[in-house]
Amino acid sequence: MSISESDLCPALLRYITGKSTESERAEFEERLLADQEFSDAAAVCEQELVDAYALRQLNADEMEELRDWIEASADRTQRVKMARALLLPRPQRIRSNPRVAIILAVAACVLVAITLPLMHRATQKDATSVSQAPAPNAMPSPSAIPPSVAIPSAIKPDVILLAAERVRGEQQIASYQVHRNAPVQLQVLLSGETARSGYSLQVTPLEGPRRILLEKTGLPAQSVNGQLYLNVTLPPGSLPPATYTASVSRHGETLTSQFTLKWSQK
């Protein structure tokens, strides 16, 4: 079965909702076991499906089809809860106050009335200064004037959502693709925590010698829709492709989450 990158997510959706034929299902499972790159790409598609379900970006039929699959796994249910807590925008209520609006309008008029005469005087003073200034010996040639330098816009960080919890058996390892030149923003959901400060975060490779690649102490917890989480932004290239353990500790209690990073080819 040949599945292109653009067809992988729809194929995964058919697979998990039971719409694949028996032969397609068998070949899909065989490739998951035999092809590591295919398996990693499928894990990324699974995360995208979970996020799309959490943000209600699917149509009604797809939402209904995915509901049983989501609710059959405590890990997927937690990931949906985390995505809704961190990704869904919260509406902002703006209450209009006629009295405040009138006061602001009057203040603006007064400010304009004061500012305009001052600006006029300053303009006259600048014009007088310029007319009295000695002429320069020579005007710079066009080639001597440096061209304007375009300021690059800030690169949007790649966001990694993690659910840190107390270890109970083997953990599911989510896979993420990040861009080599983009910052990485770790958002770690603190399951069951209520304290708003005093957290420490360590990120270490899961395999090989245990060395701390990231360590932050005294971190405050932010709250979104009643869910506490840590928010840490890392510079580009801080975490090379590998599988990591993120450990959050406070007063001797530790929560962990494991994740795999790959560099995106796009």
Protein backbone atom coordinates (compact mmCIF):
# COMPACT_ATOMS: atom_id res chain seq x y z
CA MET A 1 0.00 0.00 0.00
CA SER A 2 1.57 3.29 -1.13
CA ILE A 3 0.40 6.24 0.93
CA SER A 4 1.71 9.70 0.15
CA GLU A 5 2.34 12.29 2.84
CA SER A 6 -0.81 14.19 1.86
CA ASP A 7 -2.91 11.00 2.06
CA LEU A 8 -1.57 9.75 5.39
CA CYS A 9 -3.91 11.67 7.71
CA PRO A 10 -7.08 10.72 5.76
CA ALA A 11 -5.84 7.11 5.66
CA LEU A 12 -5.28 7.17 9.42
CA LEU A 13 -8.76 8.59 9.94
CA ARG A 14 -10.26 5.75 7.88
CA TYR A 15 -8.15 3.24 9.83
CA ILE A 16 -9.14 4.36 13.33
CA THR A 17 -12.82 4.79 12.42
CA GLY A 18 -13.04 1.30 10.92
CA LYS A 19 -13.62 2.39 7.33
CA SER A 20 -10.53 0.66 5.91
CA THR A 21 -10.97 -2.66 4.15
CA GLU A 22 -9.47 -5.71 5.82
CA SER A 23 -6.53 -5.81 3.40
CA GLU A 24 -5.89 -2.05 3.76
CA ARG A 25 -5.98 -2.41 7.54
CA ALA A 26 -3.50 -5.29 7.52
CA GLU A 27 -1.09 -3.47 5.21
CA PHE A 28 -1.40 -0.27 7.24
CA GLU A 29 -0.52 -2.10 10.47
CA GLU A 30 2.36 -3.93 8.79
CA ARG A 31 3.86 -0.67 7.58
CA LEU A 32 3.45 0.90 11.01
CA LEU A 33 5.61 -1.89 12.42
CA ALA A 34 8.17 -2.04 9.62
CA ASP A 35 8.66 1.61 8.63
CA GLN A 36 9.80 3.91 11.46
CA GLU A 37 9.42 7.10 9.42
CA PHE A 38 5.88 6.09 8.46
CA SER A 39 5.10 5.33 12.10
CA ASP A 40 6.46 8.73 13.23
CA ALA A 41 4.45 10.54 10.54
CA ALA A 42 1.33 8.64 11.61
CA ALA A 43 1.92 9.74 15.21
CA VAL A 44 2.06 13.37 14.05
CA CYS A 45 -1.21 12.87 12.13
CA GLU A 46 -2.79 11.34 15.24
CA GLN A 47 -1.86 14.42 17.26
CA GLU A 48 -3.31 16.65 14.53
CA LEU A 49 -6.56 14.66 14.62
CA VAL A 50 -6.74 14.97 18.41
CA ASP A 51 -6.16 18.74 18.19
CA ALA A 52 -8.73 19.12 15.39
CA TYR A 53 -11.25 17.16 17.47
CA ALA A 54 -10.51 19.27 20.55
CA LEU A 55 -10.91 22.52 18.61
CA ARG A 56 -14.03 21.22 16.83
CA GLN A 57 -12.48 21.81 13.42
CA LEU A 58 -13.97 18.61 11.95
CA ASN A 59 -17.40 18.22 10.45
CA ALA A 60 -20.24 16.68 12.46
CA ASP A 61 -19.82 13.18 10.99
CA GLU A 62 -16.07 13.11 11.68
CA MET A 63 -16.58 14.40 15.22
CA GLU A 64 -19.09 11.63 15.86
CA GLU A 65 -16.83 8.97 14.33
CA LEU A 66 -13.83 10.05 16.40
CA ARG A 67 -15.69 10.33 19.71
CA ASP A 68 -15.54 6.61 20.52
CA TRP A 69 -11.85 6.44 19.60
CA ILE A 70 -11.04 9.45 21.78
CA GLU A 71 -13.04 8.24 24.78
CA ALA A 72 -11.58 4.72 24.54
CA SER A 73 -8.19 6.03 25.69
CA ALA A 74 -7.50 7.95 28.89
CA ASP A 75 -4.38 9.40 27.25
CA ARG A 76 -6.30 10.75 24.24
CA THR A 77 -9.04 12.10 26.49
CA GLN A 78 -6.41 13.96 28.53
CA ARG A 79 -4.78 15.32 25.36
CA VAL A 80 -8.14 16.65 24.16
CA LYS A 81 -8.68 18.31 27.54
CA MET A 82 -5.22 19.84 27.39
CA ALA A 83 -5.66 21.12 23.83
CA ARG A 84 -8.99 22.74 24.69
CA ALA A 85 -7.48 24.37 27.76
CA LEU A 86 -4.48 25.83 25.95
CA LEU A 87 -5.57 26.38 22.36
CA LEU A 88 -9.19 27.52 22.48
CA PRO A 89 -9.38 31.33 22.58
CA ARG A 90 -11.35 32.80 25.44
CA PRO A 91 -13.95 35.44 24.56
CA GLN A 92 -13.28 38.85 26.02
CA ARG A 93 -16.23 40.76 27.39
CA ILE A 94 -16.20 44.48 26.74
CA ARG A 95 -18.80 46.46 28.62
CA SER A 96 -19.66 49.85 27.23
CA ASN A 97 -20.10 52.70 29.69
CA PRO A 98 -21.71 55.82 28.18
CA ARG A 99 -20.40 58.05 30.95
CA VAL A 100 -16.82 56.87 30.49
CA ALA A 101 -17.14 57.29 26.71
CA ILE A 102 -18.28 60.92 27.11
CA ILE A 103 -15.42 61.69 29.51
CA LEU A 104 -12.88 60.15 27.11
CA ALA A 105 -14.30 62.12 24.17
CA VAL A 106 -14.08 65.41 26.07
CA ALA A 107 -10.51 64.61 27.17
CA ALA A 108 -9.53 63.87 23.58
CA CYS A 109 -10.94 67.22 22.40
CA VAL A 110 -9.05 69.07 25.14
CA LEU A 111 -5.84 67.25 24.23
CA VAL A 112 -6.20 68.17 20.56
CA ALA A 113 -6.92 71.83 21.45
CA ILE A 114 -3.73 72.01 23.52
CA THR A 115 -1.50 70.01 21.17
CA LEU A 116 -2.24 71.76 17.88
CA PRO A 117 -0.95 75.26 18.92
CA LEU A 118 2.17 73.67 20.42
CA MET A 119 2.83 71.71 17.23
CA HIS A 120 2.33 74.87 15.16
CA ARG A 121 4.86 76.80 17.27
CA ALA A 122 7.36 73.94 17.09
CA THR A 123 7.00 73.80 13.29
CA GLN A 124 7.64 77.53 12.97
CA LYS A 125 10.71 77.25 15.22
CA ASP A 126 12.11 74.34 13.19
CA ALA A 127 11.56 76.23 9.93
CA THR A 128 13.38 79.28 11.30
CA SER A 129 16.29 77.12 12.48
CA VAL A 130 16.60 75.46 9.11
CA SER A 131 16.54 78.76 7.22
CA GLN A 132 19.32 80.14 9.42
CA ALA A 133 21.54 77.07 9.25
CA PRO A 134 24.57 77.26 6.92
CA ALA A 135 24.29 75.28 3.71
CA PRO A 136 26.31 72.10 3.64
CA ASN A 137 29.41 71.96 1.47
CA ALA A 138 28.14 69.07 -0.60
CA MET A 139 25.10 66.87 -0.81
CA PRO A 140 25.77 63.15 -0.47
CA SER A 141 25.56 61.24 -3.71
CA PRO A 142 22.71 58.70 -4.08
CA SER A 143 25.22 55.87 -3.92
CA ALA A 144 26.43 57.10 -0.52
CA ILE A 145 22.97 56.87 1.02
CA PRO A 146 22.59 53.44 2.60
CA PRO A 147 19.53 51.48 1.48
CA SER A 148 16.80 50.85 4.00
CA VAL A 149 17.30 47.61 5.89
CA ALA A 150 14.28 45.35 6.14
CA ILE A 151 13.71 44.19 9.70
CA PRO A 152 12.72 40.51 9.71
CA SER A 153 9.49 39.69 11.49
CA ALA A 154 9.65 37.53 14.60
CA ILE A 155 9.59 33.81 13.91
CA LYS A 156 6.54 32.15 15.37
CA PRO A 157 7.56 29.45 17.88
CA ASP A 158 6.60 25.82 17.43
CA VAL A 159 4.27 24.92 20.31
CA ILE A 160 4.59 21.54 22.04
CA LEU A 161 1.74 20.57 24.35
CA LEU A 162 2.64 18.11 27.10
CA ALA A 163 0.57 16.60 29.89
CA ALA A 164 2.80 15.97 32.90
CA GLU A 165 1.47 13.37 35.31
CA ARG A 166 2.62 10.99 38.01
CA VAL A 167 4.14 7.90 36.44
CA ARG A 168 1.72 4.99 36.43
CA GLY A 169 3.14 2.31 34.17
CA GLU A 170 4.31 2.93 30.62
CA GLN A 171 3.63 6.39 29.22
CA GLN A 172 2.46 7.21 25.71
CA ILE A 173 5.12 9.12 23.77
CA ALA A 174 3.73 11.87 21.54
CA SER A 175 5.72 12.89 18.45
CA TYR A 176 6.17 16.49 17.28
CA GLN A 177 7.80 18.10 14.25
CA VAL A 178 9.54 21.44 14.80
CA HIS A 179 11.42 23.77 12.50
CA ARG A 180 15.20 23.94 12.88
CA ASN A 181 15.27 27.75 12.91
CA ALA A 182 12.17 28.35 15.03
CA PRO A 183 11.96 28.74 18.81
CA VAL A 184 10.27 25.93 20.71
CA GLN A 185 7.54 26.76 23.21
CA LEU A 186 6.88 24.06 25.81
CA GLN A 187 3.44 24.24 27.38
CA VAL A 188 3.25 21.62 30.13
CA LEU A 189 -0.16 20.88 31.62
CA LEU A 190 0.06 20.14 35.36
CA SER A 191 -2.42 17.36 36.03
CA GLY A 192 -4.00 17.61 39.47
CA GLU A 193 -1.89 20.57 40.62
CA THR A 194 -3.30 23.64 42.37
CA ALA A 195 -0.19 25.60 43.44
CA ARG A 196 0.54 28.71 41.37
CA SER A 197 4.33 28.93 41.82
CA GLY A 198 7.52 27.15 42.84
CA TYR A 199 7.85 24.60 40.02
CA SER A 200 11.09 23.23 38.56
CA LEU A 201 11.37 21.86 35.03
CA GLN A 202 14.05 19.54 33.66
CA VAL A 203 14.31 18.11 30.14
CA THR A 204 16.64 15.14 29.64
CA PRO A 205 17.18 12.65 26.78
CA LEU A 206 15.34 9.38 27.29
CA GLU A 207 18.21 7.33 25.88
CA GLY A 208 21.96 7.52 26.44
CA PRO A 209 23.72 9.31 29.30
CA ARG A 210 21.39 11.31 31.50
CA ARG A 211 22.32 14.92 30.92
CA ILE A 212 20.12 17.90 31.62
CA LEU A 213 19.52 19.92 28.46
CA LEU A 214 17.11 22.32 30.10
CA GLU A 215 16.62 23.27 33.74
CA LYS A 216 14.34 26.04 35.01
CA THR A 217 13.51 26.71 38.66
CA GLY A 218 10.98 28.89 40.44
CA LEU A 219 8.53 28.76 37.54
CA PRO A 220 5.05 30.22 38.00
CA ALA A 221 2.01 28.28 36.79
CA GLN A 222 -0.36 29.99 34.41
CA SER A 223 -4.07 29.27 34.36
CA VAL A 224 -6.37 28.86 31.36
CA ASN A 225 -9.96 27.80 31.91
CA GLY A 226 -9.04 26.43 35.33
CA GLN A 227 -6.11 24.32 34.03
CA LEU A 228 -2.60 25.09 35.33
CA TYR A 229 0.37 24.83 33.01
CA LEU A 230 3.98 25.95 32.63
CA ASN A 231 5.06 27.99 29.63
CA VAL A 232 8.76 27.96 28.64
CA THR A 233 10.19 29.21 25.34
CA LEU A 234 13.54 27.84 24.12
CA PRO A 235 15.80 29.32 21.41
CA PRO A 236 16.06 27.53 18.04
CA GLY A 237 18.10 24.33 18.07
CA SER A 238 18.00 23.92 21.86
CA LEU A 239 16.45 20.46 21.57
CA PRO A 240 17.82 18.42 18.65
CA PRO A 241 15.78 15.49 17.27
CA ALA A 242 15.48 12.83 20.00
CA THR A 243 13.08 11.44 22.60
CA TYR A 244 12.96 13.38 25.85
CA THR A 245 11.57 13.24 29.36
CA ALA A 246 10.16 16.45 30.81
CA SER A 247 10.08 16.35 34.63
CA VAL A 248 8.18 18.90 36.70
CA SER A 249 8.85 18.86 40.44
CA ARG A 250 7.62 20.78 43.46
CA HIS A 251 8.18 19.98 47.14
CA GLY A 252 9.38 16.46 46.35
CA GLU A 253 6.49 15.57 44.03
CA THR A 254 7.36 14.90 40.39
CA LEU A 255 5.24 14.85 37.24
CA THR A 256 6.68 13.56 33.96
CA SER A 257 5.89 13.53 30.27
CA GLN A 258 7.78 11.96 27.38
CA PHE A 259 7.88 13.27 23.83
CA THR A 260 9.78 12.82 20.57
CA LEU A 261 11.05 15.72 18.46
CA LYS A 262 11.80 15.65 14.75
CA TRP A 263 12.91 18.49 12.52
CA SER A 264 10.38 19.40 9.88
CA GLN A 265 11.54 19.21 6.28
CA LYS A 266 9.31 22.15 5.29
